[in-house]
C-alpha atoms as a PDB file:
ATOM      1  CA  MET A   1     -99.934 161.886  17.795  1.00  0.00           C
ATOM      2  CA  ALA A   2     -99.414 159.122  15.210  1.00  0.00           C
ATOM      3  CA  GLN A   3    -101.655 156.778  17.210  1.00  0.00           C
ATOM      4  CA  LYS A   4    -104.457 159.345  17.263  1.00  0.00           C
ATOM      5  CA  ARG A   5    -104.161 159.878  13.513  1.00  0.00           C
ATOM      6  CA  THR A   6    -104.213 156.127  12.826  1.00  0.00           C
ATOM      7  CA  THR A   7    -107.297 155.745  15.004  1.00  0.00           C
ATOM      8  CA  GLU A   8    -109.008 158.619  13.194  1.00  0.00           C
ATOM      9  CA  ILE A   9    -108.182 157.172   9.765  1.00  0.00           C
ATOM     10  CA  ASP A  10    -109.446 153.761  10.871  1.00  0.00           C
ATOM     11  CA  ARG A  11    -112.703 155.335  12.065  1.00  0.00           C
ATOM     12  CA  MET A  12    -113.149 157.242   8.810  1.00  0.00           C
ATOM     13  CA  THR A  13    -112.471 154.080   6.810  1.00  0.00           C
ATOM     14  CA  ARG A  14    -114.991 152.061   8.832  1.00  0.00           C
ATOM     15  CA  GLU A  15    -117.604 154.796   8.394  1.00  0.00           C
ATOM     16  CA  ARG A  16    -116.876 154.999   4.647  1.00  0.00           C
ATOM     17  CA  ASP A  17    -117.156 151.243   4.234  1.00  0.00           C
ATOM     18  CA  ALA A  18    -120.413 151.115   6.185  1.00  0.00           C
ATOM     19  CA  ALA A  19    -121.880 153.979   4.154  1.00  0.00           C
ATOM     20  CA  LEU A  20    -120.892 152.433   0.826  1.00  0.00           C
ATOM     21  CA  LEU A  21    -122.127 148.964   1.746  1.00  0.00           C
ATOM     22  CA  SER A  22    -125.431 150.351   2.998  1.00  0.00           C
ATOM     23  CA  MET A  23    -126.258 151.430  -0.581  1.00  0.00           C
ATOM     24  CA  ASP A  24    -128.332 154.146   1.078  1.00  0.00           C
ATOM     25  CA  ARG A  25    -127.998 157.458  -0.767  1.00  0.00           C
ATOM     26  CA  LYS A  26    -128.787 159.536   2.324  1.00  0.00           C
ATOM     27  CA  ARG A  27    -126.240 157.698   4.457  1.00  0.00           C
ATOM     28  CA  ILE A  28    -123.558 158.083   1.787  1.00  0.00           C
ATOM     29  CA  LEU A  29    -124.295 161.796   1.498  1.00  0.00           C
ATOM     30  CA  VAL A  30    -124.079 162.208   5.287  1.00  0.00           C
ATOM     31  CA  TYR A  31    -120.643 160.588   5.212  1.00  0.00           C
ATOM     32  CA  LEU A  32    -119.506 162.827   2.345  1.00  0.00           C
ATOM     33  CA  LYS A  33    -120.784 165.952   4.054  1.00  0.00           C
ATOM     34  CA  ARG A  34    -118.893 165.064   7.209  1.00  0.00           C
ATOM     35  CA  TYR A  35    -115.536 164.271   5.587  1.00  0.00           C
ATOM     36  CA  ASP A  36    -115.460 165.698   2.066  1.00  0.00           C
ATOM     37  CA  THR A  37    -117.627 168.741   1.557  1.00  0.00           C
ATOM     38  CA  GLN A  38    -116.467 169.226  -2.062  1.00  0.00           C
ATOM     39  CA  ALA A  39    -117.603 165.725  -3.021  1.00  0.00           C
ATOM     40  CA  TRP A  40    -120.816 166.228  -1.041  1.00  0.00           C
ATOM     41  CA  LYS A  41    -121.616 169.412  -2.972  1.00  0.00           C
ATOM     42  CA  GLN A  42    -121.173 167.570  -6.262  1.00  0.00           C
ATOM     43  CA  MET A  43    -122.893 164.348  -5.270  1.00  0.00           C
ATOM     44  CA  LYS A  44    -125.966 165.915  -3.665  1.00  0.00           C
ATOM     45  CA  ARG A  45    -126.804 167.411  -7.068  1.00  0.00           C
ATOM     46  CA  ALA A  46    -125.768 164.386  -9.118  1.00  0.00           C
ATOM     47  CA  LYS A  47    -128.289 162.639 -11.297  1.00  0.00           C
ATOM     48  CA  HIS A  48    -129.392 159.220 -10.117  1.00  0.00           C
ATOM     49  CA  GLU A  49    -127.211 157.220 -12.522  1.00  0.00           C
ATOM     50  CA  THR A  50    -124.152 159.449 -11.977  1.00  0.00           C
ATOM     51  CA  PHE A  51    -124.429 159.066  -8.217  1.00  0.00           C
ATOM     52  CA  TRP A  52    -124.524 155.277  -8.404  1.00  0.00           C
ATOM     53  CA  VAL A  53    -121.671 155.102 -10.908  1.00  0.00           C
ATOM     54  CA  ALA A  54    -119.525 157.043  -8.424  1.00  0.00           C
ATOM     55  CA  VAL A  55    -120.599 154.776  -5.547  1.00  0.00           C
ATOM     56  CA  HIS A  56    -119.836 151.581  -7.460  1.00  0.00           C
ATOM     57  CA  LYS A  57    -116.470 152.941  -8.586  1.00  0.00           C
ATOM     58  CA  ALA A  58    -115.653 153.829  -4.980  1.00  0.00           C
ATOM     59  CA  ILE A  59    -116.603 150.317  -3.868  1.00  0.00           C
ATOM     60  CA  THR A  60    -114.308 148.734  -6.472  1.00  0.00           C
ATOM     61  CA  ALA A  61    -111.444 150.952  -5.289  1.00  0.00           C
ATOM     62  CA  ALA A  62    -111.930 150.266  -1.567  1.00  0.00           C
ATOM     63  CA  VAL A  63    -109.608 147.312  -0.966  1.00  0.00           C
ATOM     64  CA  ASP A  64    -110.836 146.898   2.614  1.00  0.00           C
ATOM     65  CA  LEU A  65    -114.298 145.894   1.421  1.00  0.00           C
ATOM     66  CA  PRO A  66    -115.205 142.229   0.909  1.00  0.00           C
ATOM     67  CA  ASP A  67    -114.208 140.883  -2.499  1.00  0.00           C
ATOM     68  CA  ASP A  68    -117.740 139.680  -3.254  1.00  0.00           C
ATOM     69  CA  LYS A  69    -119.160 143.207  -2.775  1.00  0.00           C
ATOM     70  CA  ARG A  70    -116.414 144.682  -4.924  1.00  0.00           C
ATOM     71  CA  GLU A  71    -117.107 142.063  -7.603  1.00  0.00           C
ATOM     72  CA  LEU A  72    -120.831 142.947  -7.632  1.00  0.00           C
ATOM     73  CA  SER A  73    -119.952 146.601  -8.185  1.00  0.00           C
ATOM     74  CA  ARG A  74    -117.425 145.667 -10.875  1.00  0.00           C
ATOM     75  CA  ARG A  75    -120.126 143.710 -12.715  1.00  0.00           C
ATOM     76  CA  TRP A  76    -122.620 146.570 -12.269  1.00  0.00           C
ATOM     77  CA  LEU A  77    -120.144 148.913 -13.952  1.00  0.00           C
ATOM     78  CA  PHE A  78    -119.230 146.483 -16.749  1.00  0.00           C
ATOM     79  CA  LYS A  79    -122.926 145.944 -17.487  1.00  0.00           C
ATOM     80  CA  ARG A  80    -123.131 149.678 -18.251  1.00  0.00           C
ATOM     81  CA  GLY A  81    -119.952 149.738 -20.319  1.00  0.00           C
ATOM     82  CA  LEU A  82    -117.925 151.362 -17.542  1.00  0.00           C
ATOM     83  CA  SER A  83    -114.631 150.431 -15.930  1.00  0.00           C
ATOM     84  CA  PRO A  84    -113.986 149.783 -12.237  1.00  0.00           C
ATOM     85  CA  LEU A  85    -111.238 151.481 -10.250  1.00  0.00           C
ATOM     86  CA  GLY A  86    -108.432 149.245  -9.109  1.00  0.00           C
ATOM     87  CA  ASP A  87    -108.349 145.495  -9.292  1.00  0.00           C
ATOM     88  CA  LEU A  88    -109.837 142.870  -7.015  1.00  0.00           C
ATOM     89  CA  LYS A  89    -106.584 142.011  -5.270  1.00  0.00           C
ATOM     90  CA  ARG A  90    -106.712 142.930  -1.614  1.00  0.00           C
ATOM     91  CA  ASN A  91    -103.731 144.396   0.175  1.00  0.00           C
ATOM     92  CA  ASP A  92    -103.480 141.463   2.578  1.00  0.00           C
ATOM     93  CA  LYS A  93    -103.322 138.770  -0.147  1.00  0.00           C
END
């Protein structure tokens, strides 16, 4: 049972990372609808800027993503006077 759960979490994480890195609103919404219907309901109605703030914050918090992508999102947020989530230290470092 634990193996199945780990595999499922790994799959969800890979799908999340791919959706976030795609920077494709439709693809991100498809992911949210599949795994988090509450977030999907909020994000599908979100204004353009609000949607992208949430995406960039999620990217900065996702420690499995490449540091350079997380840094780009961190800068995007700082440029708008906003703070990132988490730091840029990866779990494996």
